[in-house]
Protein backbone atom coordinates (compact mmCIF):
# COMPACT_ATOMS: atom_id res chain seq x y z
CA MET A 1 90.82 149.47 82.08
CA PHE A 2 88.34 147.51 84.25
CA GLU A 3 87.86 144.26 82.38
CA CYS A 4 87.25 141.51 84.94
CA LEU A 5 85.09 141.65 88.08
CA LEU A 6 85.02 139.26 91.01
CA TRP A 7 82.39 139.99 93.69
CA LEU A 8 82.79 138.11 96.99
CA GLU A 9 80.60 137.90 100.04
CA GLU A 10 83.63 137.92 102.33
CA THR A 11 87.42 137.77 102.10
CA GLY A 12 90.43 138.54 104.23
CA SER A 13 91.49 141.57 102.20
CA THR A 14 90.73 142.43 98.57
CA GLN A 15 94.11 144.16 98.50
CA ASP A 16 96.06 141.12 99.63
CA LEU A 17 94.08 138.83 97.34
CA LEU A 18 95.17 140.80 94.26
CA LYS A 19 98.73 141.29 95.48
CA GLU A 20 99.29 137.61 96.15
CA GLY A 21 97.27 136.11 93.29
CA ASN A 22 98.00 135.89 89.59
CA PHE A 23 95.27 138.16 88.26
CA PRO A 24 95.40 140.02 84.92
CA TYR A 25 95.62 143.79 84.72
CA GLY A 26 92.22 145.42 84.95
CA THR A 27 90.85 142.91 87.48
CA LEU A 28 88.52 144.22 90.18
CA VAL A 29 87.70 142.38 93.40
CA VAL A 30 84.77 143.56 95.54
CA ALA A 31 83.87 142.19 98.96
CA ASN A 32 80.79 142.83 101.07
CA LYS A 33 82.93 142.24 104.16
CA GLN A 34 86.65 141.97 104.90
CA LYS A 35 88.22 140.21 107.86
CA LYS A 36 91.58 141.96 107.50
CA GLY A 37 90.87 145.24 105.75
CA ARG A 38 93.70 147.76 106.08
CA GLY A 39 94.73 151.25 105.12
CA ARG A 40 98.03 153.11 104.97
CA LYS A 41 100.92 151.90 107.15
CA GLY A 42 99.04 148.70 107.93
CA ARG A 43 96.30 150.46 109.90
CA ARG A 44 93.12 148.44 110.27
CA TRP A 45 90.18 149.48 108.07
CA GLU A 46 86.85 148.64 109.68
CA SER A 47 85.11 146.53 107.01
CA ARG A 48 81.66 145.67 108.25
CA GLU A 49 78.63 144.81 106.15
CA GLY A 50 77.21 147.92 104.50
CA GLY A 51 80.44 149.40 103.21
CA LEU A 52 81.88 149.16 99.70
CA TYR A 53 85.33 147.55 99.66
CA PHE A 54 87.24 146.86 96.47
CA SER A 55 90.69 146.67 94.91
CA PHE A 56 91.91 146.72 91.32
CA VAL A 57 95.10 146.01 89.39
CA LEU A 58 96.87 148.56 87.18
CA ARG A 59 99.89 148.07 84.95
CA ASP A 60 103.01 149.70 86.37
CA ASP A 61 104.19 150.84 82.93
CA ASP A 62 100.96 152.81 82.40
CA PHE A 63 101.46 154.96 85.49
CA ARG A 64 104.87 156.59 85.71
CA GLU A 65 103.80 158.64 88.73
CA PHE A 66 102.87 156.20 91.49
CA LEU A 67 102.59 158.29 94.67
CA GLN A 68 99.77 160.40 93.29
CA ILE A 69 97.39 157.54 92.50
CA PRO A 70 95.46 157.90 95.80
CA LEU A 71 94.83 161.57 94.98
CA ALA A 72 93.59 160.64 91.50
CA VAL A 73 91.24 157.97 92.87
CA SER A 74 90.01 160.31 95.62
CA LEU A 75 89.23 162.86 92.91
CA GLY A 76 87.23 160.26 91.01
CA ILE A 77 85.21 159.51 94.14
CA CYS A 78 84.56 163.19 94.88
CA GLU A 79 83.54 164.00 91.31
CA PHE A 80 81.16 161.05 91.22
CA LEU A 81 79.60 162.11 94.53
CA GLU A 82 79.15 165.59 93.09
CA THR A 83 76.89 164.11 90.38
CA LEU A 84 74.73 162.91 93.28
CA ASP A 85 74.68 166.42 94.80
CA ILE A 86 77.04 165.35 97.58
CA LYS A 87 79.93 167.74 98.25
CA ALA A 88 82.90 165.74 99.52
CA LYS A 89 86.51 166.86 99.96
CA ILE A 90 89.93 165.25 99.55
CA LYS A 91 91.96 165.07 102.75
CA TRP A 92 95.50 164.98 101.45
CA PRO A 93 96.96 162.57 100.57
CA ASN A 94 94.47 159.68 100.37
CA ASP A 95 91.14 160.16 102.15
CA VAL A 96 87.71 161.49 101.23
CA TYR A 97 85.85 163.50 103.87
CA LEU A 98 82.21 164.50 104.14
CA MET A 99 80.80 166.85 106.77
CA GLY A 100 84.18 166.86 108.51
CA ARG A 101 84.38 163.08 108.86
CA LYS A 102 86.04 160.28 106.97
CA LEU A 103 83.92 158.73 104.25
CA ALA A 104 86.51 156.83 102.20
CA GLY A 105 90.16 155.86 102.06
CA VAL A 106 92.49 154.85 99.23
CA LEU A 107 95.60 152.66 99.35
CA ALA A 108 98.03 152.09 96.47
CA GLU A 109 100.81 149.48 96.61
CA LYS A 110 103.32 148.11 94.14
CA SER A 111 103.77 144.39 93.72
CA GLY A 112 106.25 143.50 91.00
CA LYS A 113 105.07 145.06 87.74
CA LYS A 114 101.57 145.70 89.00
CA ILE A 115 99.97 148.42 91.08
CA VAL A 116 97.18 147.32 93.39
CA VAL A 117 94.75 150.03 94.48
CA GLY A 118 92.37 149.48 97.38
CA VAL A 119 89.30 151.58 98.15
CA GLY A 120 86.98 151.53 101.14
CA ILE A 121 83.80 153.63 101.13
CA ASN A 122 81.36 153.92 104.03
CA LEU A 123 78.10 153.46 102.17
CA ASN A 124 75.23 152.10 104.25
CA GLN A 125 76.65 151.68 107.74
CA GLU A 126 74.41 153.03 110.47
CA GLU A 127 76.99 152.94 113.24
CA PHE A 128 80.74 152.64 113.80
CA PRO A 129 82.92 151.23 116.61
CA PRO A 130 83.37 153.67 119.52
CA ASP A 131 87.03 154.37 118.73
CA ILE A 132 86.25 155.79 115.26
CA GLU A 133 82.62 156.85 115.63
CA SER A 134 83.35 160.55 116.13
CA ARG A 135 85.46 160.83 112.98
CA SER A 136 83.62 158.49 110.58
CA ILE A 137 80.51 158.90 108.46
CA SER A 138 78.59 156.90 105.85
CA LEU A 139 76.52 158.14 102.95
CA LYS A 140 73.44 156.74 104.63
CA LEU A 141 74.11 158.68 107.82
CA ALA A 142 74.84 161.83 105.80
CA THR A 143 71.85 161.66 103.47
CA GLY A 144 69.29 159.73 105.47
CA LYS A 145 68.75 157.11 102.78
CA GLY A 146 70.16 153.75 101.76
CA TRP A 147 72.17 153.25 98.58
CA ASP A 148 72.12 150.34 96.14
CA LYS A 149 75.67 149.07 96.27
CA ARG A 150 75.83 147.73 92.72
CA ASP A 151 74.34 150.85 91.13
CA PHE A 152 76.65 153.08 93.14
CA PHE A 153 79.68 150.97 92.22
CA SER A 154 78.82 150.99 88.52
CA GLY A 155 78.55 154.77 88.42
CA LEU A 156 81.72 155.22 90.44
CA LEU A 157 83.75 153.00 88.09
CA ASP A 158 82.81 155.12 85.09
CA ASN A 159 84.17 158.20 86.85
CA LEU A 160 87.30 156.45 88.11
CA LYS A 161 88.07 155.21 84.63
CA ARG A 162 87.89 158.71 83.14
CA VAL A 163 90.12 160.21 85.84
CA LEU A 164 92.71 157.44 85.71
CA GLU A 165 92.89 157.52 81.91
CA ALA A 166 93.54 161.28 81.98
CA TYR A 167 96.13 160.78 84.72
CA ALA A 168 97.89 157.97 82.86
CA LYS A 169 98.03 160.03 79.67
CA GLY A 170 99.14 163.41 81.02
CA GLY A 171 100.51 162.74 84.49
CA PHE A 172 99.30 164.34 87.67
CA LYS A 173 99.56 167.85 86.24
CA GLU A 174 96.64 166.90 83.97
CA ILE A 175 94.32 166.68 86.98
CA ARG A 176 96.14 168.92 89.48
CA ASN A 177 93.69 171.83 89.36
CA ARG A 178 90.71 169.51 89.77
CA VAL A 179 92.32 167.93 92.82
CA LYS A 180 93.22 171.35 94.23
CA GLY A 181 89.61 172.44 93.93
CA LYS A 182 88.55 169.57 96.21
CA LEU A 183 91.22 169.83 98.89
CA LEU A 184 90.20 169.97 102.53
CA TYR A 185 91.98 172.60 104.67
CA LEU A 186 93.51 174.40 101.68
CA GLY A 187 94.49 177.89 102.88
CA CYS A 188 94.17 176.85 106.54
CA GLU A 189 96.80 176.65 109.22
CA VAL A 190 97.61 172.99 109.82
CA PHE A 191 99.92 170.57 111.57
CA LEU A 192 101.75 168.02 109.46
CA PHE A 193 102.97 164.90 111.22
CA SER A 194 105.65 162.71 109.70
CA ASP A 195 107.27 159.69 111.35
CA ASP A 196 109.77 161.77 113.27
CA GLN A 197 108.88 165.43 112.75
CA THR A 198 105.98 167.81 113.21
CA PHE A 199 105.47 170.87 111.01
CA ARG A 200 103.10 173.78 111.41
CA GLY A 201 102.14 176.24 108.72
CA THR A 202 99.56 177.17 106.11
CA PHE A 203 98.43 174.59 103.56
CA LYS A 204 99.32 176.77 100.58
CA ASP A 205 99.07 174.54 97.51
CA ILE A 206 100.02 171.29 95.79
CA ASP A 207 102.56 171.15 92.99
CA ASP A 208 102.47 169.29 89.65
CA LYS A 209 103.51 166.09 91.44
CA GLY A 210 100.75 166.31 94.01
CA PHE A 211 103.21 167.21 96.76
CA LEU A 212 101.90 169.46 99.52
CA ILE A 213 103.35 172.97 99.80
CA LEU A 214 103.38 174.20 103.39
CA GLU A 215 104.06 177.87 104.09
CA THR A 216 106.01 178.19 107.35
CA GLU A 217 107.86 180.94 109.20
CA LYS A 218 111.09 179.62 107.66
CA GLY A 219 109.75 179.50 104.11
CA ASN A 220 107.88 176.98 101.99
CA LEU A 221 108.27 173.26 102.53
CA THR A 222 107.33 170.76 99.81
CA LEU A 223 106.29 167.38 101.18
CA PRO A 224 105.68 164.28 99.04
CA CYS A 225 102.47 162.29 99.10
CA GLY A 226 102.21 159.39 101.48
CA GLU A 227 104.67 160.59 104.11
CA VAL A 228 102.58 162.82 106.35
CA SER A 229 99.10 163.09 107.77
CA LEU A 230 97.13 166.29 108.03
CA ARG A 231 95.37 167.79 111.04
CA GLU A 232 93.58 171.11 111.27
CA VAL A 233 94.92 173.51 113.89
CA ILE A 234 92.21 174.10 116.51
């Protein structure tokens, strides 16, 4: 699955590089820094030295279910961290949280017949800009030690490959229970914000497509991945 690696000191965006370039399936691009890193809906992703930023290309035909890819990749990250005795959670639909703060984000985009997946992980940063400091964390801040970026990346890829191969073969239902076991706020009362609506209810479950099931006063609502963000009711 991961057959070609390009490691750069700096680029605009690993995601844009793979989307715009003619790279074969299975190509990975890693950058120590990004000038124009971004997340969902074009939001800026702070990409300073110390983080791990990479994107890779998948074949569209191999993944019939596209919207659930960020959940699958987030699962791969969480399960790898668990081998390091680090208990992270998936914040539906595409983030990884540790100690109540954002550790990683995943972005999946289609470009012709290819799917480009971008991942940003806060690895060795010791500080964050003031506007995101209160809700961001790095592994170094969480554990008190620095991490070798290449060793960490190598171990992570092995886990991602196993999860994505299972997902490609059996669909999201193949990994649904593993994802469910890592979900942040599951069973909690939450707000769900879409572009033009706000919902309040209990985060009850996810279905076989990875869609969130929200239990409300008017009954259950099923919401697809990628269309809402999740906030805990305080």
